[in-house]
Every structure is written in C-alpha cells, then in structure tokens.
Protein backbone atom coordinates (compact mmCIF):
# COMPACT_ATOMS: atom_id res chain seq x y z
CA MET A 1 277.53 45.36 -19.26
CA PRO A 2 278.43 42.35 -17.03
CA ARG A 3 278.54 43.05 -13.24
CA ILE A 4 279.93 41.19 -10.30
CA SER A 5 277.24 39.45 -8.94
CA ARG A 6 276.20 39.29 -5.14
CA ILE A 7 276.56 35.42 -5.15
CA HIS A 8 280.30 35.74 -5.89
CA THR A 9 280.97 38.23 -3.27
CA GLU A 10 278.67 36.60 -0.60
CA LYS A 11 280.24 33.28 -1.35
CA SER A 12 283.79 34.92 -0.82
CA ILE A 13 282.75 36.33 2.57
CA LYS A 14 280.87 32.98 3.92
CA ASN A 15 283.49 30.76 2.65
CA PRO A 16 287.09 32.30 3.46
CA CYS A 17 289.88 30.47 1.84
CA PHE A 18 293.06 29.85 3.63
CA SER A 19 295.50 29.12 0.59
CA VAL A 20 296.70 31.80 -1.57
CA SER A 21 296.17 29.48 -4.74
CA VAL A 22 292.41 29.01 -3.87
CA ARG A 23 292.14 32.95 -3.35
CA VAL A 24 293.57 33.53 -6.79
CA ILE A 25 291.45 30.86 -8.46
CA ARG A 26 288.37 32.70 -6.77
CA VAL A 27 289.47 36.01 -7.78
CA GLN A 28 289.96 34.71 -11.41
CA LYS A 29 286.57 33.22 -11.45
CA VAL A 30 285.07 36.43 -10.29
CA LEU A 31 286.87 38.66 -12.95
CA VAL A 32 286.39 36.13 -15.70
CA THR A 33 282.36 36.59 -14.95
CA ALA A 34 282.81 40.21 -14.17
CA ILE A 35 284.90 41.78 -16.80
CA PRO A 36 284.76 40.77 -20.59
CA ASN A 37 287.87 39.91 -22.42
CA GLU A 38 288.75 43.21 -23.31
CA PRO A 39 289.03 45.55 -20.35
CA LYS A 40 289.69 48.57 -22.72
CA LYS A 41 285.89 48.47 -23.54
CA LEU A 42 285.23 49.37 -19.90
CA ASN A 43 287.69 52.35 -20.15
CA PHE A 44 290.29 50.34 -18.12
CA ARG A 45 293.92 51.34 -18.56
CA CYS A 46 297.26 50.40 -16.94
CA ARG A 47 297.61 53.61 -14.92
CA LYS A 48 300.00 54.73 -12.31
CA VAL A 49 298.44 56.32 -9.20
CA GLY A 50 299.37 60.22 -8.58
CA MET A 51 299.87 61.96 -5.47
CA LEU A 52 298.86 65.48 -4.16
CA PRO A 53 300.88 67.43 -1.76
CA ALA A 54 299.23 67.10 1.86
CA LYS A 55 300.19 70.47 3.22
CA ALA A 56 299.60 72.79 0.35
CA ASP A 57 297.95 76.00 0.99
CA PRO A 58 296.78 77.58 -2.26
CA GLU A 59 296.29 81.03 -0.72
CA LYS A 60 299.83 81.17 0.93
CA GLN A 61 301.36 80.03 -2.41
CA GLN A 62 299.29 82.68 -4.13
CA GLU A 63 300.48 85.38 -1.83
CA PHE A 64 304.32 84.21 -1.91
CA LEU A 65 303.98 84.27 -5.76
CA GLU A 66 302.51 87.73 -5.65
CA GLN A 67 304.63 89.27 -3.00
CA GLU A 68 307.99 87.50 -3.14
CA ILE A 69 308.60 85.88 -6.65
CA GLN A 70 306.86 88.28 -9.23
CA PRO A 71 308.66 91.57 -7.85
CA ARG A 72 311.87 90.02 -8.22
CA LEU A 73 311.07 88.42 -11.73
CA GLU A 74 310.15 91.70 -13.04
CA GLU A 75 313.75 93.13 -11.65
CA ALA A 76 315.40 90.14 -13.29
CA GLN A 77 313.75 90.80 -16.67
CA ALA A 78 314.77 94.56 -16.50
CA GLY A 79 318.32 93.39 -15.68
CA LYS A 80 318.55 94.53 -12.34
CA ARG A 81 319.03 91.15 -10.62
CA VAL A 82 319.41 87.32 -11.15
CA VAL A 83 316.62 85.12 -9.86
CA LEU A 84 317.51 81.30 -9.58
CA PHE A 85 315.38 78.42 -8.69
CA VAL A 86 317.44 75.53 -6.89
CA ASP A 87 316.44 72.13 -6.45
CA ALA A 88 318.03 68.54 -6.23
CA ALA A 89 317.47 65.51 -8.28
CA HIS A 90 318.53 61.94 -7.24
CA PHE A 91 319.03 59.61 -10.15
CA VAL A 92 318.77 55.84 -9.01
CA LEU A 93 321.11 53.78 -10.83
CA SER A 94 318.56 50.83 -11.14
CA ALA A 95 315.93 49.52 -13.23
CA PHE A 96 312.79 51.46 -13.24
CA LEU A 97 309.92 49.04 -12.52
CA GLY A 98 306.84 50.16 -14.29
CA PHE A 99 303.64 48.33 -15.54
CA LEU A 100 303.10 46.23 -18.39
CA TRP A 101 300.12 43.90 -19.45
CA SER A 102 301.11 40.37 -19.27
CA ALA A 103 299.61 37.07 -18.33
CA THR A 104 302.28 36.40 -15.65
CA ARG A 105 304.31 38.68 -13.27
CA ILE A 106 307.85 39.44 -14.76
CA PHE A 107 311.12 39.78 -12.55
CA ILE A 108 314.20 41.22 -13.62
CA ARG A 109 317.71 40.89 -11.66
CA ALA A 110 318.04 43.84 -9.33
CA PRO A 111 321.56 45.47 -8.80
CA SER A 112 323.14 45.02 -5.50
CA GLY A 113 323.47 48.06 -3.22
CA ARG A 114 322.05 51.60 -3.56
CA GLN A 115 323.79 53.58 -6.07
CA ARG A 116 322.81 57.05 -6.85
CA PHE A 117 323.81 60.07 -9.13
CA ASN A 118 322.78 63.42 -7.30
CA VAL A 119 322.31 66.55 -9.21
CA LEU A 120 321.98 69.96 -7.34
CA GLY A 121 321.15 72.63 -9.93
CA ALA A 122 320.06 76.39 -10.30
CA LEU A 123 318.07 77.45 -12.90
CA ASN A 124 318.34 81.09 -14.06
CA ALA A 125 314.68 82.07 -14.43
CA ILE A 126 315.25 84.45 -17.50
CA THR A 127 318.10 82.94 -19.33
CA HIS A 128 317.17 79.28 -18.34
CA GLU A 129 321.05 78.74 -17.73
CA MET A 130 321.77 75.85 -15.55
CA THR A 131 324.50 75.79 -12.92
CA THR A 132 325.16 72.34 -11.33
CA ILE A 133 326.95 70.51 -8.78
CA THR A 134 327.02 66.55 -9.03
CA ASN A 135 328.24 63.80 -6.86
CA ASP A 136 327.24 60.02 -6.06
CA ALA A 137 327.16 60.41 -2.53
CA TYR A 138 324.67 62.81 -0.76
CA ILE A 139 323.55 66.37 -1.14
CA THR A 140 324.76 68.10 1.82
CA ALA A 141 325.49 71.53 3.26
CA GLU A 142 328.91 71.16 1.75
CA SER A 143 327.22 70.51 -1.61
CA VAL A 144 324.78 73.52 -1.19
CA CYS A 145 327.85 75.79 -0.31
CA ALA A 146 329.82 74.62 -3.35
CA LEU A 147 326.87 75.72 -5.64
CA LEU A 148 326.33 78.93 -3.75
CA GLU A 149 330.12 79.65 -4.39
CA LYS A 150 329.74 78.77 -7.94
CA ILE A 151 326.71 81.21 -8.48
CA ALA A 152 328.46 83.83 -6.67
CA ASN A 153 331.74 83.62 -8.92
CA LEU A 154 329.40 83.54 -12.01
CA TYR A 155 327.17 86.99 -11.21
CA ILE A 156 329.77 88.99 -9.54
CA GLY A 157 328.21 92.50 -8.58
CA ILE A 158 324.65 91.62 -9.29
CA PRO A 159 321.97 91.09 -6.60
CA ILE A 160 320.92 87.34 -6.62
CA THR A 161 317.72 86.15 -5.21
CA ILE A 162 317.83 82.13 -4.95
CA PHE A 163 314.37 80.16 -4.05
CA PHE A 164 315.05 76.73 -2.79
CA ASN A 165 312.74 74.11 -3.39
CA SER A 166 311.75 72.25 -0.35
CA LEU A 167 314.77 73.14 1.64
CA ASN A 168 314.92 71.81 5.22
CA ASN A 169 317.52 71.31 7.85
CA ARG A 170 317.52 67.47 7.56
CA ASN A 171 320.90 67.25 5.98
CA LEU A 172 322.20 70.91 6.39
C-alpha cells in the first residue's frame, strides 16, 4: 500500500508556498503519490462527522430514568396518567448542502433571507399520538403556553407529566 513519503512532507515544510494554486498543486501531487486511484480500497468513504454531547453524565441520566421517567411510564401504561415528551424542531427552508464525489466543487443558488418552519410537539409515550403547534417565526413562551393549553384540553381530569427536551430560559 502506498504511503506519503517523508520527502513530500519535508519539501512542503521547507518550501512554504504563498499562492493557493501552488498549494493545491502540491497537495494534489502528494495525494496522487499517496493514495491509489480508488480510495474505496483504503476503506475511504465520504462521511459526515458526528458530535457527542459535551456535558452528558451517564450516571445522572440513569438515575433520572430510574427515579423519574420509569415510575411515570408504569403509571401511564396502567392508565393512571399521561406522559408526554416535548421538543421543538426547526426546519430551514433552504437547500441542504451535503456531500458528493465530484472532480470540482458544486455551487447552488441559495435563497435570500432566513426562512424557517417551527414545530413544537408533544408525543404521548404510550399511544404515540402527536400534539403540535407550528409557526414560521420563533418558538417562544407563548408557543409553549399554547401547546400546554392544547394538552390540558385533550387530557381533562387525568394527571399529566411532561418531559421537556433541552428546556432553557433563553426565549421563555
């Protein structure tokens, strides 16, 4: 299997280039000598990088699951309570720029402005029924109150437990 030789990397360090076109040519030369014509042979794929939550504490999450969520889910399965999970989704009305294999970079015309479609939804943990509020502005305290009012009208006389995902006081 070909490898990048020290000669190529040392030349790049000793002779720094000042123009972008020269750098591109040097990088192409290194890649041509380093990687065969088919990157798939080296198990190269066009892949998107993922992220892990920075502040996740598995012990606290497990404790919350056992002490808060599980008992309420058991009551909900017995028909004594309603358990809802609430979260918001923000759909951007624009092209999604992904990845593709091509010889040159592809550009598409972008729409002007920032257009969004927001959905604030509550999912019933047992029946999987969705209750939603939608708008094209922002999810605000008024949106949350409208959803809570809608939920209260749906489940009159039944205890309700609502778990909010990533609730903060930024907009509320």
